[in-house]
Protein backbone atom coordinates (compact mmCIF):
# COMPACT_ATOMS: atom_id res chain seq x y z
CA MET A 1 136.05 -24.78 80.13
CA SER A 2 135.59 -23.54 76.69
CA HIS A 3 131.53 -23.05 76.78
CA ASP A 4 132.24 -21.25 80.11
CA ALA A 5 134.74 -18.65 79.57
CA PRO A 6 132.83 -16.81 77.12
CA THR A 7 129.23 -16.78 79.21
CA LEU A 8 131.33 -14.89 82.53
CA THR A 9 132.54 -12.15 80.03
CA THR A 10 129.20 -11.07 78.34
CA THR A 11 127.98 -11.56 81.66
CA PHE A 12 130.41 -8.98 83.14
CA ASN A 13 129.57 -6.94 80.67
CA LYS A 14 125.97 -6.35 80.68
CA VAL A 15 127.31 -5.84 84.88
CA ARG A 16 129.29 -2.55 83.78
CA VAL A 17 127.28 -1.28 81.19
CA CYS A 18 124.24 -0.96 84.34
CA LEU A 19 126.35 0.39 87.00
CA PHE A 20 127.83 2.73 83.92
CA ALA A 21 124.29 3.96 83.17
CA LEU A 22 123.85 3.31 87.58
CA LEU A 23 126.68 6.19 87.28
CA LEU A 24 125.63 8.86 84.52
CA ILE A 25 121.80 9.18 86.44
CA VAL A 26 124.35 9.32 89.91
CA MET A 27 126.68 12.14 88.24
CA LEU A 28 122.97 14.19 86.28
CA THR A 29 120.72 13.98 89.46
CA ALA A 30 123.87 15.68 91.28
CA CYS A 31 124.47 18.54 88.26
CA GLY A 32 120.34 18.93 88.64
CA SER A 33 120.42 19.85 92.10
CA SER A 34 123.75 21.79 92.78
CA GLY A 35 122.62 24.03 89.89
CA PRO A 36 121.54 27.70 89.97
CA SER A 37 117.56 27.99 90.71
CA GLU A 38 115.20 29.65 88.48
CA ALA A 39 114.76 32.85 88.65
CA PRO A 40 111.32 33.83 90.21
CA THR A 41 108.92 35.57 87.64
CA PRO A 42 107.99 39.19 88.48
CA THR A 43 104.75 40.56 89.42
CA PRO A 44 103.55 42.98 86.46
CA LEU A 45 103.55 47.11 87.88
CA PRO A 46 99.78 48.09 87.30
CA THR A 47 98.98 50.39 85.09
CA PRO A 48 98.01 54.15 86.17
CA VAL A 49 93.90 55.18 85.76
CA VAL A 50 94.00 58.27 83.40
CA PRO A 51 91.63 60.38 85.15
CA GLU A 52 88.97 61.68 82.75
CA LYS A 53 88.39 64.66 81.73
CA PRO A 54 85.39 67.13 82.43
CA THR A 55 83.45 67.68 79.19
CA TYR A 56 80.83 70.19 78.61
CA ILE A 57 77.76 71.18 76.46
CA VAL A 58 77.77 74.46 74.30
CA ALA A 59 74.29 75.56 75.53
CA ARG A 60 71.68 77.93 74.47
CA GLY A 61 70.20 80.29 77.57
CA THR A 62 70.26 83.39 79.56
CA VAL A 63 73.29 84.92 80.78
CA THR A 64 73.31 87.36 83.04
CA ARG A 65 76.35 89.81 85.10
CA SER A 66 75.38 90.82 88.10
CA LEU A 67 77.15 92.58 91.48
CA GLU A 68 76.77 90.87 94.89
CA PHE A 69 77.01 92.40 98.10
CA THR A 70 76.82 92.63 101.45
CA GLY A 71 74.41 95.18 102.95
CA ARG A 72 73.13 96.05 106.61
CA VAL A 73 69.70 97.49 107.94
CA SER A 74 69.81 100.77 108.90
CA PRO A 75 67.97 103.83 108.88
CA VAL A 76 66.80 105.98 105.76
CA GLU A 77 67.11 108.68 107.96
CA GLN A 78 71.09 108.93 110.24
CA GLN A 79 73.85 111.09 110.95
CA GLU A 80 77.11 110.44 112.01
CA LEU A 81 78.47 112.62 114.61
CA PHE A 82 81.62 114.43 115.33
CA PHE A 83 83.58 116.74 117.45
CA ARG A 84 84.71 119.34 115.06
CA THR A 85 87.91 120.13 117.88
CA ASP A 86 90.07 117.85 119.74
CA GLY A 87 89.51 117.38 123.39
CA PHE A 88 89.00 115.57 126.31
CA VAL A 89 84.87 114.87 126.28
CA ARG A 90 83.44 116.48 130.24
CA SER A 91 79.97 115.03 130.05
CA VAL A 92 78.17 112.81 128.04
CA TYR A 93 74.10 113.05 128.48
CA VAL A 94 72.49 110.22 127.13
CA ALA A 95 72.86 106.00 126.68
CA ARG A 96 73.10 104.10 123.17
CA ASP A 97 69.29 103.90 121.79
CA ASP A 98 67.61 106.71 124.27
CA ARG A 99 65.24 108.94 122.03
CA VAL A 100 66.31 112.09 121.73
CA ARG A 101 64.98 115.34 119.94
CA ALA A 102 66.42 117.98 117.61
CA GLY A 103 68.93 120.06 118.71
CA ASP A 104 68.93 118.63 122.13
CA ARG A 105 72.92 118.86 123.91
CA LEU A 106 73.96 114.88 123.17
CA ALA A 107 78.07 115.72 124.77
CA ASP A 108 80.42 118.02 125.54
CA LEU A 109 84.28 118.36 125.52
CA GLU A 110 85.83 120.41 128.39
CA ILE A 111 85.26 124.28 127.49
CA GLY A 112 85.85 125.64 131.27
CA GLU A 113 87.74 127.86 129.60
CA LEU A 114 86.30 128.65 126.72
CA GLU A 115 83.34 129.24 129.06
CA ASN A 116 85.33 132.05 130.58
CA GLN A 117 86.87 133.56 127.50
CA LEU A 118 83.13 133.69 125.98
CA ALA A 119 82.13 135.27 129.41
CA GLN A 120 84.29 137.58 129.40
CA ALA A 121 84.08 138.51 125.71
CA ARG A 122 80.73 139.64 126.10
CA LEU A 123 81.70 141.42 129.27
CA ASP A 124 84.13 143.76 126.91
CA LEU A 125 81.17 143.67 123.93
CA ALA A 126 78.81 145.39 126.69
CA GLN A 127 82.43 148.01 127.49
CA VAL A 128 82.97 148.99 123.69
CA GLU A 129 79.29 149.30 123.31
CA ASN A 130 79.15 152.44 125.89
CA GLN A 131 82.15 153.72 123.79
CA SER A 132 82.32 156.08 120.82
CA ALA A 133 85.59 156.76 119.40
CA ASP A 134 86.54 155.75 116.56
CA ALA A 135 89.76 156.62 115.14
CA LEU A 136 90.51 156.58 111.02
CA ALA A 137 93.71 155.22 110.92
CA GLU A 138 92.70 152.46 113.80
CA ALA A 139 90.11 151.20 110.02
CA LYS A 140 92.53 151.37 108.61
CA ILE A 141 95.05 149.12 109.71
CA ALA A 142 92.41 146.53 110.89
CA LEU A 143 91.14 146.60 107.54
CA GLU A 144 94.88 145.48 105.77
CA LYS A 145 95.36 142.91 109.17
CA ALA A 146 92.18 141.80 107.76
CA ARG A 147 93.05 141.62 104.25
CA LEU A 148 96.88 140.06 105.15
CA GLN A 149 95.43 137.42 107.38
CA LEU A 150 93.11 136.45 104.31
CA GLN A 151 95.79 136.63 102.28
CA LYS A 152 97.78 134.41 103.95
CA ALA A 153 95.07 131.86 104.67
CA LEU A 154 94.33 131.95 101.13
CA ALA A 155 97.93 131.07 100.24
CA GLU A 156 97.93 128.02 102.64
CA ASP A 157 97.82 125.31 100.24
CA THR A 158 96.13 122.52 102.16
CA GLN A 159 95.17 120.12 100.17
CA ALA A 160 99.17 119.84 98.77
CA ASP A 161 99.21 118.02 102.64
CA VAL A 162 96.00 116.43 101.91
CA THR A 163 97.63 114.97 98.84
CA ALA A 164 100.83 113.85 99.83
CA LYS A 165 99.02 111.83 103.30
CA GLU A 166 96.43 110.50 100.48
CA ILE A 167 99.44 108.59 98.46
CA ALA A 168 101.47 107.64 101.90
CA LEU A 169 98.04 106.40 102.30
CA ILE A 170 97.80 104.12 99.20
CA ASN A 171 101.45 103.40 99.12
CA ALA A 172 101.33 102.20 102.91
CA GLN A 173 98.50 99.47 101.72
CA GLU A 174 99.64 98.67 98.73
CA GLU A 175 102.91 97.88 101.47
CA LEU A 176 100.63 96.17 103.49
CA LYS A 177 99.82 93.95 100.01
CA ARG A 178 103.13 93.05 98.93
CA ALA A 179 104.05 91.47 102.92
CA GLN A 180 100.27 90.03 102.45
CA ASP A 181 101.44 87.76 99.28
CA GLU A 182 104.86 87.32 100.97
CA TYR A 183 103.82 86.04 104.19
CA ASP A 184 101.23 83.84 101.83
CA LYS A 185 104.05 82.27 99.83
CA ALA A 186 106.58 81.60 102.24
CA VAL A 187 103.69 79.77 104.33
CA HIS A 188 103.02 77.71 101.62
CA ARG A 189 106.73 76.68 101.07
CA PRO A 190 107.25 73.87 103.88
CA TRP A 191 110.72 74.07 103.39
CA GLU A 192 111.10 77.02 104.77
CA PRO A 193 112.64 77.71 108.66
CA ASP A 194 111.05 79.18 111.15
CA GLN A 195 113.35 81.89 111.24
CA VAL A 196 112.53 83.51 108.10
CA LEU A 197 108.42 82.70 108.39
CA ASP A 198 108.74 85.32 111.29
CA SER A 199 110.57 87.29 109.87
CA TYR A 200 108.28 87.79 106.49
CA LYS A 201 105.80 87.72 110.16
CA ARG A 202 107.26 90.93 111.58
CA ALA A 203 107.22 92.51 107.99
CA LEU A 204 103.43 92.05 107.65
CA THR A 205 103.09 93.58 111.39
CA GLN A 206 105.17 96.71 110.31
CA ALA A 207 103.29 97.17 107.25
CA GLU A 208 99.89 96.68 109.28
CA ARG A 209 101.24 99.60 111.87
CA ASN A 210 102.44 101.68 109.03
CA LEU A 211 99.23 101.51 107.40
CA THR A 212 97.36 102.55 110.76
CA ILE A 213 99.95 105.40 111.17
CA ALA A 214 99.20 106.44 107.07
CA GLN A 215 95.37 106.28 107.40
CA ALA A 216 95.42 108.63 110.78
CA GLU A 217 97.49 111.05 109.07
CA TYR A 218 94.76 110.79 106.30
CA ASP A 219 92.05 111.60 108.33
CA ARG A 220 94.17 114.05 110.18
CA ALA A 221 94.50 116.07 106.89
CA LEU A 222 91.15 115.96 105.75
CA ALA A 223 90.22 117.62 108.93
CA ALA A 224 92.68 120.19 108.79
CA GLN A 225 91.70 120.74 105.53
CA GLN A 226 87.96 121.51 106.77
CA SER A 227 89.54 123.34 109.41
CA HIS A 228 91.34 125.85 107.03
CA ALA A 229 88.39 126.50 105.27
CA TYR A 230 86.52 127.62 108.28
CA ASP A 231 88.45 130.06 109.23
CA ILE A 232 88.97 131.63 105.35
CA GLU A 233 85.11 132.38 105.99
CA LEU A 234 85.84 133.84 109.43
CA LEU A 235 88.64 135.63 107.77
CA LYS A 236 86.57 137.22 104.47
CA GLN A 237 83.74 138.15 107.57
CA GLU A 238 86.95 139.59 109.61
CA VAL A 239 87.96 141.85 105.68
CA ALA A 240 83.84 142.43 105.15
CA LEU A 241 83.61 144.24 108.64
CA ALA A 242 86.44 145.90 108.65
CA GLU A 243 85.53 147.69 105.23
CA LEU A 244 81.80 148.85 106.32
CA GLN A 245 83.87 150.21 109.86
CA LEU A 246 86.40 152.62 107.65
CA ALA A 247 83.04 153.03 104.50
CA ARG A 248 81.45 154.71 107.16
CA LEU A 249 84.13 155.98 108.80
CA GLN A 250 85.42 158.19 105.59
CA GLY A 251 81.21 159.23 105.14
CA GLU A 252 79.30 162.01 105.57
CA GLY A 253 76.04 162.14 107.19
CA GLU A 254 76.11 158.72 107.98
CA GLN A 255 76.31 157.49 111.83
CA PRO A 256 79.95 155.89 112.06
CA VAL A 257 79.75 152.18 112.96
CA ASP A 258 82.12 151.39 116.08
CA LEU A 259 84.56 149.07 114.80
CA ASP A 260 85.71 147.71 118.35
CA ILE A 261 82.20 146.88 118.57
CA GLU A 262 82.01 144.33 115.92
CA GLN A 263 85.49 143.06 116.84
CA ALA A 264 83.78 142.27 120.59
CA LYS A 265 80.66 140.47 118.63
CA LEU A 266 83.26 138.69 116.11
CA ASP A 267 85.18 137.83 119.00
CA VAL A 268 82.20 136.74 120.78
CA LYS A 269 80.19 134.56 117.71
CA LYS A 270 83.93 133.13 117.16
CA ILE A 271 83.89 131.73 120.82
CA GLU A 272 80.55 130.62 120.60
CA ASP A 273 81.37 128.86 117.67
CA GLN A 274 84.22 127.57 119.41
CA ILE A 275 81.74 126.00 121.32
CA ALA A 276 79.79 124.42 120.01
CA ALA A 277 82.79 122.72 118.06
CA ALA A 278 83.01 121.01 120.85
CA SER A 279 79.51 120.29 121.46
CA LEU A 280 77.33 117.23 119.90
CA ILE A 281 74.19 118.29 118.64
CA ALA A 282 70.76 115.81 117.97
CA PRO A 283 70.75 116.72 114.36
CA PHE A 284 67.01 115.89 114.20
CA ASP A 285 64.59 113.66 116.11
CA GLY A 286 65.26 109.91 116.49
CA ARG A 287 67.38 106.96 118.33
CA VAL A 288 71.15 106.77 119.52
CA LEU A 289 72.12 104.15 117.38
CA SER A 290 75.88 104.05 118.28
CA LEU A 291 77.66 105.55 121.43
CA ASN A 292 81.45 104.81 121.45
CA ILE A 293 82.62 108.03 124.62
CA ARG A 294 82.33 108.59 127.75
CA ALA A 295 83.34 111.05 130.30
CA GLY A 296 87.36 111.62 130.17
CA SER A 297 88.22 109.43 126.85
CA SER A 298 89.78 111.26 123.95
CA VAL A 299 88.70 112.17 120.95
CA GLN A 300 89.92 113.46 117.60
CA GLY A 301 88.30 116.17 115.60
CA PHE A 302 85.67 114.76 112.64
CA LYS A 303 86.07 111.18 113.61
CA VAL A 304 82.81 109.97 114.54
CA VAL A 305 81.37 109.05 117.97
CA ALA A 306 77.69 108.47 117.39
CA ILE A 307 75.34 108.26 114.76
CA VAL A 308 71.67 108.90 115.44
CA GLY A 309 69.08 107.65 113.72
CA ASP A 310 65.05 107.40 112.81
CA PRO A 311 64.48 103.69 113.43
CA GLU A 312 61.04 103.88 111.84
CA THR A 313 61.68 103.83 108.24
CA LEU A 314 64.49 101.00 107.62
CA GLU A 315 66.46 100.33 104.26
CA ILE A 316 69.41 98.55 103.45
CA THR A 317 73.14 100.63 103.01
CA ALA A 318 76.22 98.92 101.75
CA ASP A 319 79.94 100.68 101.70
CA LEU A 320 81.46 99.39 97.87
CA ASP A 321 84.28 100.89 96.48
CA ALA A 322 84.32 102.57 93.20
CA GLY A 323 84.49 100.66 91.21
CA ASP A 324 81.31 98.56 91.99
CA VAL A 325 79.92 101.75 92.98
CA SER A 326 80.16 102.72 88.84
CA GLU A 327 78.63 100.06 87.91
CA LEU A 328 75.21 101.13 89.69
CA SER A 329 72.78 103.69 88.33
CA VAL A 330 70.16 105.14 91.13
CA ASN A 331 65.94 103.71 90.37
CA GLN A 332 68.18 99.97 89.28
CA LEU A 333 66.28 97.13 90.54
CA ALA A 334 67.62 94.64 93.31
CA SER A 335 67.29 91.04 94.70
CA ILE A 336 67.91 91.14 98.51
CA ARG A 337 67.72 88.15 100.64
CA LEU A 338 67.70 88.73 104.71
CA ARG A 339 70.29 86.08 105.91
CA ASN A 340 68.25 85.25 109.00
CA ARG A 341 65.32 84.74 106.59
CA PRO A 342 66.64 83.40 103.02
CA GLU A 343 63.93 81.78 102.71
CA ALA A 344 62.15 84.36 100.41
CA ASP A 345 64.04 87.18 97.93
CA LEU A 346 62.78 90.15 98.19
CA ALA A 347 62.55 93.28 95.84
CA GLY A 348 63.86 96.31 95.81
CA VAL A 349 65.94 99.31 94.16
CA VAL A 350 68.73 101.70 94.46
CA ARG A 351 67.63 104.83 95.97
CA GLN A 352 70.67 106.64 96.73
CA LEU A 353 74.29 106.90 95.01
CA PRO A 354 77.74 108.21 96.91
CA TYR A 355 79.14 110.53 95.62
CA VAL A 356 83.03 108.87 94.34
CA GLY A 357 84.98 112.18 92.63
CA GLY A 358 85.79 116.11 93.31
CA ASP A 359 85.57 117.67 96.78
CA ALA A 360 82.25 116.76 98.17
CA ALA A 361 84.36 113.11 98.78
CA ASN A 362 86.18 114.59 100.78
CA THR A 363 84.29 115.77 103.25
CA ALA A 364 83.77 114.24 106.44
CA ASP A 365 80.13 114.29 106.71
CA ALA A 366 80.01 112.92 103.12
CA ASP A 367 77.19 109.77 102.74
CA THR A 368 79.64 106.68 100.56
CA ALA A 369 77.37 104.55 101.56
CA VAL A 370 74.91 102.82 98.42
CA HIS A 371 71.01 103.16 99.66
CA ILE A 372 69.07 100.26 98.54
CA ALA A 373 64.84 100.64 99.47
CA LEU A 374 62.60 97.68 99.85
CA ASN A 375 59.23 97.90 96.79
CA ASP A 376 56.57 96.04 99.67
CA SER A 377 56.81 98.94 102.51
CA SER A 378 54.86 96.53 105.24
CA VAL A 379 57.90 93.92 104.87
CA SER A 380 58.82 94.49 108.84
CA LEU A 381 62.93 94.70 109.09
CA GLU A 382 65.67 94.44 111.90
CA LEU A 383 67.83 97.59 112.52
CA GLY A 384 71.46 95.99 111.92
CA GLU A 385 70.10 93.35 109.27
CA LEU A 386 72.37 91.52 107.13
CA ALA A 387 71.26 90.70 103.43
CA THR A 388 72.82 90.09 100.30
CA VAL A 389 71.58 91.93 97.77
CA ILE A 390 72.48 91.41 93.96
CA VAL A 391 71.96 93.82 91.37
CA VAL A 392 71.31 92.19 87.45
CA LEU A 393 74.20 94.97 85.43
CA GLU A 394 73.69 92.82 82.46
CA LYS A 395 70.93 90.06 80.62
CA LYS A 396 71.08 88.40 77.26
CA ASP A 397 68.22 85.71 76.62
CA SER A 398 68.95 82.96 73.92
CA VAL A 399 72.57 83.38 73.69
CA LEU A 400 75.41 80.69 73.35
CA TRP A 401 77.15 79.78 76.76
CA LEU A 402 79.57 77.95 78.55
CA PRO A 403 80.42 77.36 82.14
CA PRO A 404 83.86 79.48 82.65
CA ALA A 405 85.54 76.19 84.14
CA ALA A 406 85.40 75.12 79.99
CA ILE A 407 87.13 78.30 78.76
CA ARG A 408 90.79 78.55 78.64
CA SER A 409 93.04 81.62 78.41
CA PHE A 410 96.50 82.02 77.37
CA GLN A 411 98.90 85.16 76.65
CA GLY A 412 95.43 87.49 75.98
CA ARG A 413 94.02 84.36 73.74
CA ASP A 414 90.51 82.69 74.97
CA PHE A 415 89.48 79.43 73.48
CA VAL A 416 88.45 76.24 74.22
CA VAL A 417 88.92 72.14 73.00
CA ILE A 418 86.25 70.42 71.10
CA GLN A 419 86.02 67.06 71.28
CA ALA A 420 84.40 65.38 68.06
CA GLY A 421 84.65 61.40 67.66
CA ASP A 422 87.94 60.77 68.97
CA THR A 423 89.68 63.96 67.47
CA GLN A 424 90.26 67.11 69.61
CA ARG A 425 91.07 70.08 68.42
CA ARG A 426 91.69 74.24 69.72
CA VAL A 427 88.84 76.89 68.80
CA ASP A 428 89.79 81.22 69.29
CA VAL A 429 86.50 82.56 70.57
CA ARG A 430 85.34 85.65 71.19
CA LEU A 431 83.06 86.35 74.83
CA GLY A 432 80.51 88.84 76.05
CA ILE A 433 78.88 88.91 79.30
CA LYS A 434 80.19 86.89 81.97
CA GLY A 435 78.35 86.06 84.79
CA ALA A 436 79.09 83.85 87.82
CA ASP A 437 78.69 80.63 86.34
CA ARG A 438 78.47 81.44 82.83
CA VAL A 439 80.31 82.32 79.85
CA GLU A 440 78.34 84.04 76.56
CA ILE A 441 80.48 82.67 73.63
CA LEU A 442 80.05 85.16 70.11
CA ASP A 443 81.68 83.43 68.34
CA GLY A 444 84.42 80.23 67.89
CA ALA A 445 81.75 77.71 69.21
CA GLU A 446 78.13 76.18 67.74
CA GLU A 447 75.64 74.97 70.33
CA GLY A 448 75.22 71.59 71.31
CA GLN A 449 79.69 70.76 70.10
CA VAL A 450 80.98 68.93 73.19
CA VAL A 451 84.10 71.10 75.16
CA VAL A 452 86.60 69.23 77.11
CA GLY A 453 87.61 70.88 80.25
CA PRO A 454 91.33 71.64 81.35
């Protein structure tokens, strides 16, 4: 018995140690399974790719500044025709493309009443030619009346009305530009409601209508000014006739001139002039290039209704604004490329320029086109064909240049960013000729330098 007791105690202790170890293992396992799970490792965001800025090399070469515009093949000799009075077309005697001779009547207005007046005026003239009763008092009164009418006509300032209408036209053009700019800005603002866009659109439409009205009023003022000039010339003739009549009536030993006869002749001439103003007459031999009237249609005085030209000799014409015209001069060389035949450039010369200042620019029949003649007369042109015309205004060889995209500007300062190794620096530059794809560098950069674009 004394030997078994220690053995049982030792065995029990070993079992207890094993159970404790097993329990500890179970607890540790339970703690590990019930604990919080590991957070997943976040995926890193990709680094944004910074686009490389373009670079340019300061080069040496030729820089040109050119004026490029679109022209149309037209006859060298052509003239726009218009009636010199308002009215309704009575008859049209030709059609488009018809050949006409100088002096041919192309169309006329409803002048039945004028024709009756002319017949009556001629009868009156025939009657007064048979009369010999002259009166000095009547001659004095007629002269004074003619002078007063002339003074009254000279006192009328038609230029003021033309100037006012011209200012109104300029204001209407500026208003249309503002309305167009506001509408364009609104269209590019996607948050603008439709009602706002509609209001801008209505404002733009109204501005266009106002411009049309202003243009019509300006044209009418010019026509009235021209008509007033004719009236003054007629009044001067009346004064001259009245003075001659009075001088002969007061003279001794001279055959007096019957003022009534002269007045009757003047009446006939005046009506004949009115009939001529209501007729469209061919100014030279040629062809009807344009005709936009028909019998019964209404026309305005001094508004172009037909064009007569000689299609045998052609050139290129273009309507340019005054700023572009001022850059050109007669005999300047031009490069011409026909739109329908772009395979070759043709050589030409500026033959004629419009007069851009003074009263001549305001006359109804003033030539406002730039005329370009081809150097090679054997080149066959087609009437109405479009052409691109390039006139070199300035040219320099062997100068430093950069493309326009390489040059930056801020508050009137022109500069470039020069790349030197890993460093960049801003340098002010002084510019010369500015062409479409090359700008002359007068100072600030050197040949071969690398310039970083914006």
